Structures are given as C-alpha cells and as structure tokens.
PDB file of N, CA and C in Angstrom:
ATOM      1  N   MET A   1       0.841  -1.174   0.000  1.00  0.00           N
ATOM      2  CA  MET A   1       0.000   0.000   0.000  1.00  0.00           C
ATOM      3  C   MET A   1       0.892   1.244   0.000  1.00  0.00           C
ATOM      4  N   ARG A   2       0.513   2.208  -0.796  1.00  0.00           N
ATOM      5  CA  ARG A   2       1.256   3.466  -0.874  1.00  0.00           C
ATOM      6  C   ARG A   2       0.598   4.497   0.037  1.00  0.00           C
ATOM      7  N   SER A   3       1.446   5.289   0.668  1.00  0.00           N
ATOM      8  CA  SER A   3       0.967   6.347   1.561  1.00  0.00           C
ATOM      9  C   SER A   3       1.418   7.700   1.050  1.00  0.00           C
ATOM     10  N   VAL A   4       0.648   8.721   1.392  1.00  0.00           N
ATOM     11  CA  VAL A   4       1.048  10.097   1.109  1.00  0.00           C
ATOM     12  C   VAL A   4       1.917  10.548   2.276  1.00  0.00           C
ATOM     13  N   LEU A   5       3.125  10.976   1.968  1.00  0.00           N
ATOM     14  CA  LEU A   5       4.074  11.417   2.982  1.00  0.00           C
ATOM     15  C   LEU A   5       4.446  12.864   2.724  1.00  0.00           C
ATOM     16  N   LEU A   6       4.537  13.624   3.776  1.00  0.00           N
ATOM     17  CA  LEU A   6       5.055  14.980   3.700  1.00  0.00           C
ATOM     18  C   LEU A   6       6.459  14.909   4.294  1.00  0.00           C
ATOM     19  N   ILE A   7       7.459  15.201   3.477  1.00  0.00           N
ATOM     20  CA  ILE A   7       8.852  15.104   3.914  1.00  0.00           C
ATOM     21  C   ILE A   7       9.461  16.495   3.876  1.00  0.00           C
ATOM     22  N   ALA A   8       9.917  16.943   5.032  1.00  0.00           N
ATOM     23  CA  ALA A   8      10.539  18.266   5.161  1.00  0.00           C
ATOM     24  C   ALA A   8      11.944  18.071   5.703  1.00  0.00           C
ATOM     25  N   TYR A   9      12.850  18.936   5.291  1.00  0.00           N
ATOM     26  CA  TYR A   9      14.225  18.799   5.755  1.00  0.00           C
ATOM     27  C   TYR A   9      14.858  20.157   5.980  1.00  0.00           C
ATOM     28  N   ASP A  10      15.792  20.170   6.902  1.00  0.00           N
ATOM     29  CA  ASP A  10      16.570  21.358   7.245  1.00  0.00           C
ATOM     30  C   ASP A  10      18.028  20.920   7.197  1.00  0.00           C
ATOM     31  N   ILE A  11      18.729  21.333   6.165  1.00  0.00           N
ATOM     32  CA  ILE A  11      20.105  20.897   5.923  1.00  0.00           C
ATOM     33  C   ILE A  11      21.028  22.093   6.105  1.00  0.00           C
ATOM     34  N   ALA A  12      22.032  21.944   6.955  1.00  0.00           N
ATOM     35  CA  ALA A  12      22.899  23.060   7.338  1.00  0.00           C
ATOM     36  C   ALA A  12      23.856  23.508   6.233  1.00  0.00           C
ATOM     37  N   CYS A  13      24.259  22.613   5.370  1.00  0.00           N
ATOM     38  CA  CYS A  13      25.266  22.904   4.340  1.00  0.00           C
ATOM     39  C   CYS A  13      24.595  22.978   2.963  1.00  0.00           C
ATOM     40  N   ALA A  14      24.882  24.025   2.210  1.00  0.00           N
ATOM     41  CA  ALA A  14      24.262  24.216   0.890  1.00  0.00           C
ATOM     42  C   ALA A  14      24.566  23.053  -0.056  1.00  0.00           C
ATOM     43  N   LYS A  15      25.766  22.515   0.009  1.00  0.00           N
ATOM     44  CA  LYS A  15      26.136  21.407  -0.877  1.00  0.00           C
ATOM     45  C   LYS A  15      25.299  20.159  -0.555  1.00  0.00           C
ATOM     46  N   ARG A  16      25.145  19.858   0.729  1.00  0.00           N
ATOM     47  CA  ARG A  16      24.313  18.715   1.124  1.00  0.00           C
ATOM     48  C   ARG A  16      22.840  18.994   0.824  1.00  0.00           C
ATOM     49  N   TRP A  17      22.400  20.242   1.021  1.00  0.00           N
ATOM     50  CA  TRP A  17      21.010  20.595   0.715  1.00  0.00           C
ATOM     51  C   TRP A  17      20.710  20.293  -0.749  1.00  0.00           C
ATOM     52  N   ARG A  18      21.612  20.675  -1.642  1.00  0.00           N
ATOM     53  CA  ARG A  18      21.423  20.441  -3.083  1.00  0.00           C
ATOM     54  C   ARG A  18      21.311  18.941  -3.369  1.00  0.00           C
ATOM     55  N   LYS A  19      22.156  18.144  -2.741  1.00  0.00           N
ATOM     56  CA  LYS A  19      22.107  16.693  -2.952  1.00  0.00           C
ATOM     57  C   LYS A  19      20.774  16.115  -2.475  1.00  0.00           C
ATOM     58  N   VAL A  20      20.306  16.564  -1.315  1.00  0.00           N
ATOM     59  CA  VAL A  20      19.020  16.083  -0.795  1.00  0.00           C
ATOM     60  C   VAL A  20      17.890  16.527  -1.716  1.00  0.00           C
ATOM     61  N   TYR A  21      17.915  17.779  -2.150  1.00  0.00           N
ATOM     62  CA  TYR A  21      16.875  18.293  -3.046  1.00  0.00           C
ATOM     63  C   TYR A  21      16.820  17.472  -4.338  1.00  0.00           C
ATOM     64  N   GLU A  22      17.974  17.207  -4.933  1.00  0.00           N
ATOM     65  CA  GLU A  22      18.010  16.435  -6.178  1.00  0.00           C
ATOM     66  C   GLU A  22      17.506  15.008  -5.960  1.00  0.00           C
ATOM     67  N   LEU A  23      17.865  14.410  -4.838  1.00  0.00           N
ATOM     68  CA  LEU A  23      17.378  13.070  -4.525  1.00  0.00           C
ATOM     69  C   LEU A  23      15.861  13.077  -4.340  1.00  0.00           C
ATOM     70  N   MET A  24      15.346  14.053  -3.623  1.00  0.00           N
ATOM     71  CA  MET A  24      13.913  14.129  -3.355  1.00  0.00           C
ATOM     72  C   MET A  24      13.107  14.345  -4.627  1.00  0.00           C
ATOM     73  N   GLN A  25      13.654  15.040  -5.608  1.00  0.00           N
ATOM     74  CA  GLN A  25      12.923  15.267  -6.859  1.00  0.00           C
ATOM     75  C   GLN A  25      12.546  13.953  -7.532  1.00  0.00           C
ATOM     76  N   GLY A  26      13.325  12.918  -7.317  1.00  0.00           N
ATOM     77  CA  GLY A  26      13.012  11.624  -7.900  1.00  0.00           C
ATOM     78  C   GLY A  26      11.983  10.827  -7.114  1.00  0.00           C
ATOM     79  N   HIS A  27      11.536  11.365  -5.978  1.00  0.00           N
ATOM     80  CA  HIS A  27      10.622  10.619  -5.113  1.00  0.00           C
ATOM     81  C   HIS A  27       9.307  11.335  -4.829  1.00  0.00           C
ATOM     82  N   GLY A  28       9.187  12.593  -5.210  1.00  0.00           N
ATOM     83  CA  GLY A  28       7.957  13.319  -4.921  1.00  0.00           C
ATOM     84  C   GLY A  28       7.937  14.679  -5.589  1.00  0.00           C
ATOM     85  N   ASP A  29       6.945  15.475  -5.208  1.00  0.00           N
ATOM     86  CA  ASP A  29       6.759  16.806  -5.784  1.00  0.00           C
ATOM     87  C   ASP A  29       7.040  17.865  -4.730  1.00  0.00           C
ATOM     88  N   PRO A  30       7.852  18.878  -5.079  1.00  0.00           N
ATOM     89  CA  PRO A  30       8.101  19.950  -4.113  1.00  0.00           C
ATOM     90  C   PRO A  30       6.831  20.770  -3.907  1.00  0.00           C
ATOM     91  N   VAL A  31       6.486  21.029  -2.648  1.00  0.00           N
ATOM     92  CA  VAL A  31       5.315  21.853  -2.350  1.00  0.00           C
ATOM     93  C   VAL A  31       5.720  23.181  -1.732  1.00  0.00           C
ATOM     94  N   GLN A  32       6.870  23.230  -1.111  1.00  0.00           N
ATOM     95  CA  GLN A  32       7.464  24.460  -0.595  1.00  0.00           C
ATOM     96  C   GLN A  32       8.966  24.242  -0.536  1.00  0.00           C
ATOM     97  N   TYR A  33       9.678  25.276  -0.179  1.00  0.00           N
ATOM     98  CA  TYR A  33      11.115  25.181  -0.039  1.00  0.00           C
ATOM     99  C   TYR A  33      11.448  24.092   0.981  1.00  0.00           C
ATOM    100  N   SER A  34      12.158  23.067   0.561  1.00  0.00           N
ATOM    101  CA  SER A  34      12.585  21.953   1.422  1.00  0.00           C
ATOM    102  C   SER A  34      11.435  21.111   1.964  1.00  0.00           C
ATOM    103  N   VAL A  35      10.307  21.089   1.256  1.00  0.00           N
ATOM    104  CA  VAL A  35       9.159  20.253   1.639  1.00  0.00           C
ATOM    105  C   VAL A  35       8.648  19.545   0.384  1.00  0.00           C
ATOM    106  N   PHE A  36       8.507  18.221   0.477  1.00  0.00           N
ATOM    107  CA  PHE A  36       8.033  17.429  -0.651  1.00  0.00           C
ATOM    108  C   PHE A  36       6.818  16.613  -0.249  1.00  0.00           C
ATOM    109  N   ARG A  37       5.891  16.431  -1.194  1.00  0.00           N
ATOM    110  CA  ARG A  37       4.761  15.510  -1.038  1.00  0.00           C
ATOM    111  C   ARG A  37       5.108  14.276  -1.856  1.00  0.00           C
ATOM    112  N   CYS A  38       5.132  13.139  -1.200  1.00  0.00           N
ATOM    113  CA  CYS A  38       5.531  11.895  -1.855  1.00  0.00           C
ATOM    114  C   CYS A  38       4.440  10.844  -1.695  1.00  0.00           C
ATOM    115  N   GLU A  39       4.326   9.971  -2.669  1.00  0.00           N
ATOM    116  CA  GLU A  39       3.459   8.797  -2.579  1.00  0.00           C
ATOM    117  C   GLU A  39       4.371   7.589  -2.657  1.00  0.00           C
ATOM    118  N   LEU A  40       4.627   6.958  -1.504  1.00  0.00           N
ATOM    119  CA  LEU A  40       5.612   5.887  -1.431  1.00  0.00           C
ATOM    120  C   LEU A  40       5.058   4.679  -0.679  1.00  0.00           C
ATOM    121  N   SER A  41       5.533   3.514  -1.064  1.00  0.00           N
ATOM    122  CA  SER A  41       5.274   2.300  -0.287  1.00  0.00           C
ATOM    123  C   SER A  41       6.299   2.237   0.844  1.00  0.00           C
ATOM    124  N   LYS A  42       6.120   1.296   1.758  1.00  0.00           N
ATOM    125  CA  LYS A  42       7.090   1.142   2.849  1.00  0.00           C
ATOM    126  C   LYS A  42       8.471   0.791   2.305  1.00  0.00           C
ATOM    127  N   VAL A  43       8.515  -0.028   1.269  1.00  0.00           N
ATOM    128  CA  VAL A  43       9.797  -0.408   0.663  1.00  0.00           C
ATOM    129  C   VAL A  43      10.449   0.806   0.008  1.00  0.00           C
ATOM    130  N   GLU A  44       9.669   1.601  -0.723  1.00  0.00           N
ATOM    131  CA  GLU A  44      10.220   2.804  -1.362  1.00  0.00           C
ATOM    132  C   GLU A  44      10.722   3.805  -0.327  1.00  0.00           C
ATOM    133  N   LEU A  45      10.011   3.931   0.794  1.00  0.00           N
ATOM    134  CA  LEU A  45      10.459   4.826   1.860  1.00  0.00           C
ATOM    135  C   LEU A  45      11.772   4.332   2.452  1.00  0.00           C
ATOM    136  N   GLN A  46      11.900   3.038   2.639  1.00  0.00           N
ATOM    137  CA  GLN A  46      13.149   2.481   3.167  1.00  0.00           C
ATOM    138  C   GLN A  46      14.305   2.733   2.199  1.00  0.00           C
ATOM    139  N   ILE A  47      14.059   2.584   0.910  1.00  0.00           N
ATOM    140  CA  ILE A  47      15.091   2.861  -0.097  1.00  0.00           C
ATOM    141  C   ILE A  47      15.489   4.328  -0.043  1.00  0.00           C
ATOM    142  N   LEU A  48      14.506   5.219   0.080  1.00  0.00           N
ATOM    143  CA  LEU A  48      14.799   6.649   0.188  1.00  0.00           C
ATOM    144  C   LEU A  48      15.652   6.920   1.426  1.00  0.00           C
ATOM    145  N   ARG A  49      15.292   6.333   2.560  1.00  0.00           N
ATOM    146  CA  ARG A  49      16.084   6.512   3.789  1.00  0.00           C
ATOM    147  C   ARG A  49      17.525   6.058   3.580  1.00  0.00           C
ATOM    148  N   GLU A  50      17.689   4.905   2.945  1.00  0.00           N
ATOM    149  CA  GLU A  50      19.033   4.373   2.714  1.00  0.00           C
ATOM    150  C   GLU A  50      19.853   5.276   1.804  1.00  0.00           C
ATOM    151  N   ARG A  51      19.201   5.983   0.912  1.00  0.00           N
ATOM    152  CA  ARG A  51      19.912   6.912   0.024  1.00  0.00           C
ATOM    153  C   ARG A  51      20.175   8.252   0.704  1.00  0.00           C
ATOM    154  N   LEU A  52      19.304   8.646   1.640  1.00  0.00           N
ATOM    155  CA  LEU A  52      19.477   9.917   2.353  1.00  0.00           C
ATOM    156  C   LEU A  52      20.559   9.859   3.429  1.00  0.00           C
ATOM    157  N   TRP A  53      20.615   8.758   4.186  1.00  0.00           N
ATOM    158  CA  TRP A  53      21.504   8.677   5.346  1.00  0.00           C
ATOM    159  C   TRP A  53      22.958   9.024   5.038  1.00  0.00           C
ATOM    160  N   PRO A  54      23.540   8.566   3.917  1.00  0.00           N
ATOM    161  CA  PRO A  54      24.942   8.920   3.660  1.00  0.00           C
ATOM    162  C   PRO A  54      25.155  10.416   3.403  1.00  0.00           C
ATOM    163  N   ILE A  55      24.114  11.123   3.006  1.00  0.00           N
ATOM    164  CA  ILE A  55      24.228  12.558   2.712  1.00  0.00           C
ATOM    165  C   ILE A  55      24.134  13.378   3.994  1.00  0.00           C
ATOM    166  N   LEU A  56      23.294  12.951   4.922  1.00  0.00           N
ATOM    167  CA  LEU A  56      22.988  13.738   6.115  1.00  0.00           C
ATOM    168  C   LEU A  56      24.107  13.717   7.147  1.00  0.00           C
ATOM    169  N   HIS A  57      24.237  14.807   7.854  1.00  0.00           N
ATOM    170  CA  HIS A  57      25.063  14.901   9.058  1.00  0.00           C
ATOM    171  C   HIS A  57      24.076  15.105  10.199  1.00  0.00           C
ATOM    172  N   LEU A  58      23.764  14.039  10.917  1.00  0.00           N
ATOM    173  CA  LEU A  58      22.677  14.078  11.893  1.00  0.00           C
ATOM    174  C   LEU A  58      22.934  15.013  13.064  1.00  0.00           C
ATOM    175  N   GLY A  59      24.163  15.433  13.249  1.00  0.00           N
ATOM    176  CA  GLY A  59      24.456  16.424  14.274  1.00  0.00           C
ATOM    177  C   GLY A  59      24.118  17.837  13.838  1.00  0.00           C
ATOM    178  N   GLU A  60      23.891  18.032  12.527  1.00  0.00           N
ATOM    179  CA  GLU A  60      23.608  19.359  11.977  1.00  0.00           C
ATOM    180  C   GLU A  60      22.294  19.425  11.204  1.00  0.00           C
ATOM    181  N   ASP A  61      21.883  18.328  10.605  1.00  0.00           N
ATOM    182  CA  ASP A  61      20.731  18.299   9.701  1.00  0.00           C
ATOM    183  C   ASP A  61      19.568  17.559  10.351  1.00  0.00           C
ATOM    184  N   ARG A  62      18.371  17.746   9.779  1.00  0.00           N
ATOM    185  CA  ARG A  62      17.222  16.970  10.231  1.00  0.00           C
ATOM    186  C   ARG A  62      16.240  16.768   9.077  1.00  0.00           C
ATOM    187  N   VAL A  63      15.526  15.658   9.151  1.00  0.00           N
ATOM    188  CA  VAL A  63      14.481  15.317   8.188  1.00  0.00           C
ATOM    189  C   VAL A  63      13.252  14.924   8.996  1.00  0.00           C
ATOM    190  N   MET A  64      12.086  15.436   8.584  1.00  0.00           N
ATOM    191  CA  MET A  64      10.828  15.092   9.229  1.00  0.00           C
ATOM    192  C   MET A  64       9.939  14.408   8.197  1.00  0.00           C
ATOM    193  N   ILE A  65       9.360  13.281   8.567  1.00  0.00           N
ATOM    194  CA  ILE A  65       8.466  12.548   7.674  1.00  0.00           C
ATOM    195  C   ILE A  65       7.120  12.406   8.366  1.00  0.00           C
ATOM    196  N   ALA A  66       6.074  12.961   7.749  1.00  0.00           N
ATOM    197  CA  ALA A  66       4.714  12.854   8.281  1.00  0.00           C
ATOM    198  C   ALA A  66       3.897  11.972   7.343  1.00  0.00           C
ATOM    199  N   ASP A  67       3.354  10.881   7.869  1.00  0.00           N
ATOM    200  CA  ASP A  67       2.512   9.973   7.097  1.00  0.00           C
ATOM    201  C   ASP A  67       1.082  10.507   7.149  1.00  0.00           C
ATOM    202  N   LEU A  68       0.568  10.953   5.997  1.00  0.00           N
ATOM    203  CA  LEU A  68      -0.766  11.552   5.932  1.00  0.00           C
ATOM    204  C   LEU A  68      -1.865  10.533   5.651  1.00  0.00           C
ATOM    205  N   GLY A  69      -1.480   9.283   5.400  1.00  0.00           N
ATOM    206  CA  GLY A  69      -2.465   8.234   5.179  1.00  0.00           C
ATOM    207  C   GLY A  69      -2.354   7.611   3.803  1.00  0.00           C
ATOM    208  N   PRO A  70      -3.170   6.579   3.554  1.00  0.00           N
ATOM    209  CA  PRO A  70      -3.129   5.873   2.276  1.00  0.00           C
ATOM    210  C   PRO A  70      -3.491   6.783   1.101  1.00  0.00           C
ATOM    211  N   VAL A  71      -2.846   6.531  -0.045  1.00  0.00           N
ATOM    212  CA  VAL A  71      -3.109   7.311  -1.260  1.00  0.00           C
ATOM    213  C   VAL A  71      -4.586   7.242  -1.629  1.00  0.00           C
ATOM    214  N   ASP A  72      -5.195   6.067  -1.479  1.00  0.00           N
ATOM    215  CA  ASP A  72      -6.601   5.884  -1.853  1.00  0.00           C
ATOM    216  C   ASP A  72      -7.567   6.189  -0.716  1.00  0.00           C
ATOM    217  N   GLY A  73      -7.071   6.752   0.363  1.00  0.00           N
ATOM    218  CA  GLY A  73      -7.920   7.066   1.509  1.00  0.00           C
ATOM    219  C   GLY A  73      -7.691   8.488   1.975  1.00  0.00           C
ATOM    220  N   ARG A  74      -7.482   8.635   3.268  1.00  0.00           N
ATOM    221  CA  ARG A  74      -7.302   9.940   3.895  1.00  0.00           C
ATOM    222  C   ARG A  74      -6.143  10.736   3.291  1.00  0.00           C
ATOM    223  N   GLY A  75      -5.098  10.054   2.846  1.00  0.00           N
ATOM    224  CA  GLY A  75      -3.933  10.738   2.293  1.00  0.00           C
ATOM    225  C   GLY A  75      -4.244  11.614   1.090  1.00  0.00           C
ATOM    226  N   ALA A  76      -5.271  11.238   0.327  1.00  0.00           N
ATOM    227  CA  ALA A  76      -5.622  11.997  -0.875  1.00  0.00           C
ATOM    228  C   ALA A  76      -6.193  13.370  -0.552  1.00  0.00           C
ATOM    229  N   THR A  77      -6.765  13.540   0.640  1.00  0.00           N
ATOM    230  CA  THR A  77      -7.428  14.804   0.976  1.00  0.00           C
ATOM    231  C   THR A  77      -6.870  15.471   2.231  1.00  0.00           C
ATOM    232  N   SER A  78      -5.846  14.911   2.826  1.00  0.00           N
ATOM    233  CA  SER A  78      -5.373  15.415   4.120  1.00  0.00           C
ATOM    234  C   SER A  78      -4.474  16.641   4.029  1.00  0.00           C
ATOM    235  N   LEU A  79      -3.971  16.959   2.865  1.00  0.00           N
ATOM    236  CA  LEU A  79      -3.091  18.115   2.711  1.00  0.00           C
ATOM    237  C   LEU A  79      -3.860  19.241   2.034  1.00  0.00           C
ATOM    238  N   GLN A  80      -3.972  20.363   2.715  1.00  0.00           N
ATOM    239  CA  GLN A  80      -4.621  21.543   2.143  1.00  0.00           C
ATOM    240  C   GLN A  80      -3.553  22.551   1.760  1.00  0.00           C
ATOM    241  N   GLN A  81      -3.805  23.275   0.697  1.00  0.00           N
ATOM    242  CA  GLN A  81      -2.879  24.322   0.271  1.00  0.00           C
ATOM    243  C   GLN A  81      -3.685  25.570  -0.026  1.00  0.00           C
ATOM    244  N   TRP A  82      -3.261  26.667   0.537  1.00  0.00           N
ATOM    245  CA  TRP A  82      -3.910  27.954   0.302  1.00  0.00           C
ATOM    246  C   TRP A  82      -2.944  28.836  -0.455  1.00  0.00           C
ATOM    247  N   GLY A  83      -3.472  29.664  -1.338  1.00  0.00           N
ATOM    248  CA  GLY A  83      -2.616  30.581  -2.090  1.00  0.00           C
ATOM    249  C   GLY A  83      -2.168  29.968  -3.403  1.00  0.00           C
ATOM    250  N   VAL A  84      -1.113  30.503  -3.944  1.00  0.00           N
ATOM    251  CA  VAL A  84      -0.612  30.111  -5.263  1.00  0.00           C
ATOM    252  C   VAL A  84      -0.118  28.670  -5.224  1.00  0.00           C
ATOM    253  N   ALA A  85      -0.635  27.853  -6.139  1.00  0.00           N
ATOM    254  CA  ALA A  85      -0.210  26.455  -6.224  1.00  0.00           C
ATOM    255  C   ALA A  85       1.038  26.345  -7.085  1.00  0.00           C
ATOM    256  N   ARG A  86       1.916  25.461  -6.714  1.00  0.00           N
ATOM    257  CA  ARG A  86       3.102  25.189  -7.516  1.00  0.00           C
ATOM    258  C   ARG A  86       2.667  24.329  -8.699  1.00  0.00           C
ATOM    259  N   GLN A  87       3.045  24.714  -9.883  1.00  0.00           N
ATOM    260  CA  GLN A  87       2.677  23.984 -11.082  1.00  0.00           C
ATOM    261  C   GLN A  87       3.612  22.797 -11.272  1.00  0.00           C
ATOM    262  N   ALA A  88       3.065  21.673 -11.739  1.00  0.00           N
ATOM    263  CA  ALA A  88       3.898  20.501 -12.019  1.00  0.00           C
ATOM    264  C   ALA A  88       4.951  20.875 -13.050  1.00  0.00           C
ATOM    265  N   GLY A  89       6.162  20.462 -12.812  1.00  0.00           N
ATOM    266  CA  GLY A  89       7.252  20.768 -13.734  1.00  0.00           C
ATOM    267  C   GLY A  89       7.878  22.127 -13.524  1.00  0.00           C
ATOM    268  N   GLN A  90       7.317  22.932 -12.621  1.00  0.00           N
ATOM    269  CA  GLN A  90       7.881  24.253 -12.337  1.00  0.00           C
ATOM    270  C   GLN A  90       9.203  24.057 -11.612  1.00  0.00           C
ATOM    271  N   PRO A  91      10.255  24.743 -12.050  1.00  0.00           N
ATOM    272  CA  PRO A  91      11.547  24.553 -11.393  1.00  0.00           C
ATOM    273  C   PRO A  91      11.502  24.977  -9.937  1.00  0.00           C
ATOM    274  N   GLY A  92      12.257  24.274  -9.132  1.00  0.00           N
ATOM    275  CA  GLY A  92      12.329  24.575  -7.707  1.00  0.00           C
ATOM    276  C   GLY A  92      13.376  25.625  -7.422  1.00  0.00           C
ATOM    277  N   PRO A  93      13.639  25.854  -6.147  1.00  0.00           N
ATOM    278  CA  PRO A  93      14.635  26.849  -5.761  1.00  0.00           C
ATOM    279  C   PRO A  93      16.030  26.429  -6.203  1.00  0.00           C
ATOM    280  N   ARG A  94      16.879  27.404  -6.399  1.00  0.00           N
ATOM    281  CA  ARG A  94      18.257  27.141  -6.813  1.00  0.00           C
ATOM    282  C   ARG A  94      19.208  27.826  -5.853  1.00  0.00           C
ATOM    283  N   ILE A  95      20.288  27.149  -5.554  1.00  0.00           N
ATOM    284  CA  ILE A  95      21.355  27.757  -4.764  1.00  0.00           C
ATOM    285  C   ILE A  95      22.509  28.019  -5.704  1.00  0.00           C
ATOM    286  N   VAL A  96      22.945  29.260  -5.732  1.00  0.00           N
ATOM    287  CA  VAL A  96      24.031  29.648  -6.638  1.00  0.00           C
ATOM    288  C   VAL A  96      25.275  29.921  -5.832  1.00  0.00           C
TER     289      VAL A  96
END
C-alpha cells in the first residue's frame, strides 16, 4: 500500500542541501522550499532513507516525515494548500 508522505528537511550545508533536493525530486513533488509531497510504499520509503543517510550529518541536519495516510484514503485529501499552487514541472529553488 502506498501512503502520502510529507517530507521536510533542514540541511545546514548548501552542498548537502542540493544533494538532498536532487534526490527528493526523484521521489515526490516539491510543495514548498525543502518540503516534498511523496506517494511511497514502505519499501520505497526504506530505499529513500538508505539513500538519504549517507548525505545527512545528523548532528547538523534533520528530516521530518509525516505519514498523511493511504493514497486511496485519507492521504488523498489530508493536505490543504492555500494561495498560489506550484505547477507541475515548475523549477524549484536554486542555490548559486
């Protein structure tokens, strides 16, 4: 079963932030700066964790994962967004 997950991260180093952002783009849609909405199974979430851990410095960085519920249930309607919606395919933030 796939769940809707809200994944937010706070990465202290710009280089690591970029790596996390690029990794997350392959797993979900950015909804705000450093926040992604993902639809993942438990196995896919474990794979994502295994790919994130080598990038993170847990003494400086943090990742929060909120399970909003099944894709075909509560997860489909549990996230509300007010204001301007991010368009699919719209480029995300860039660090120069």
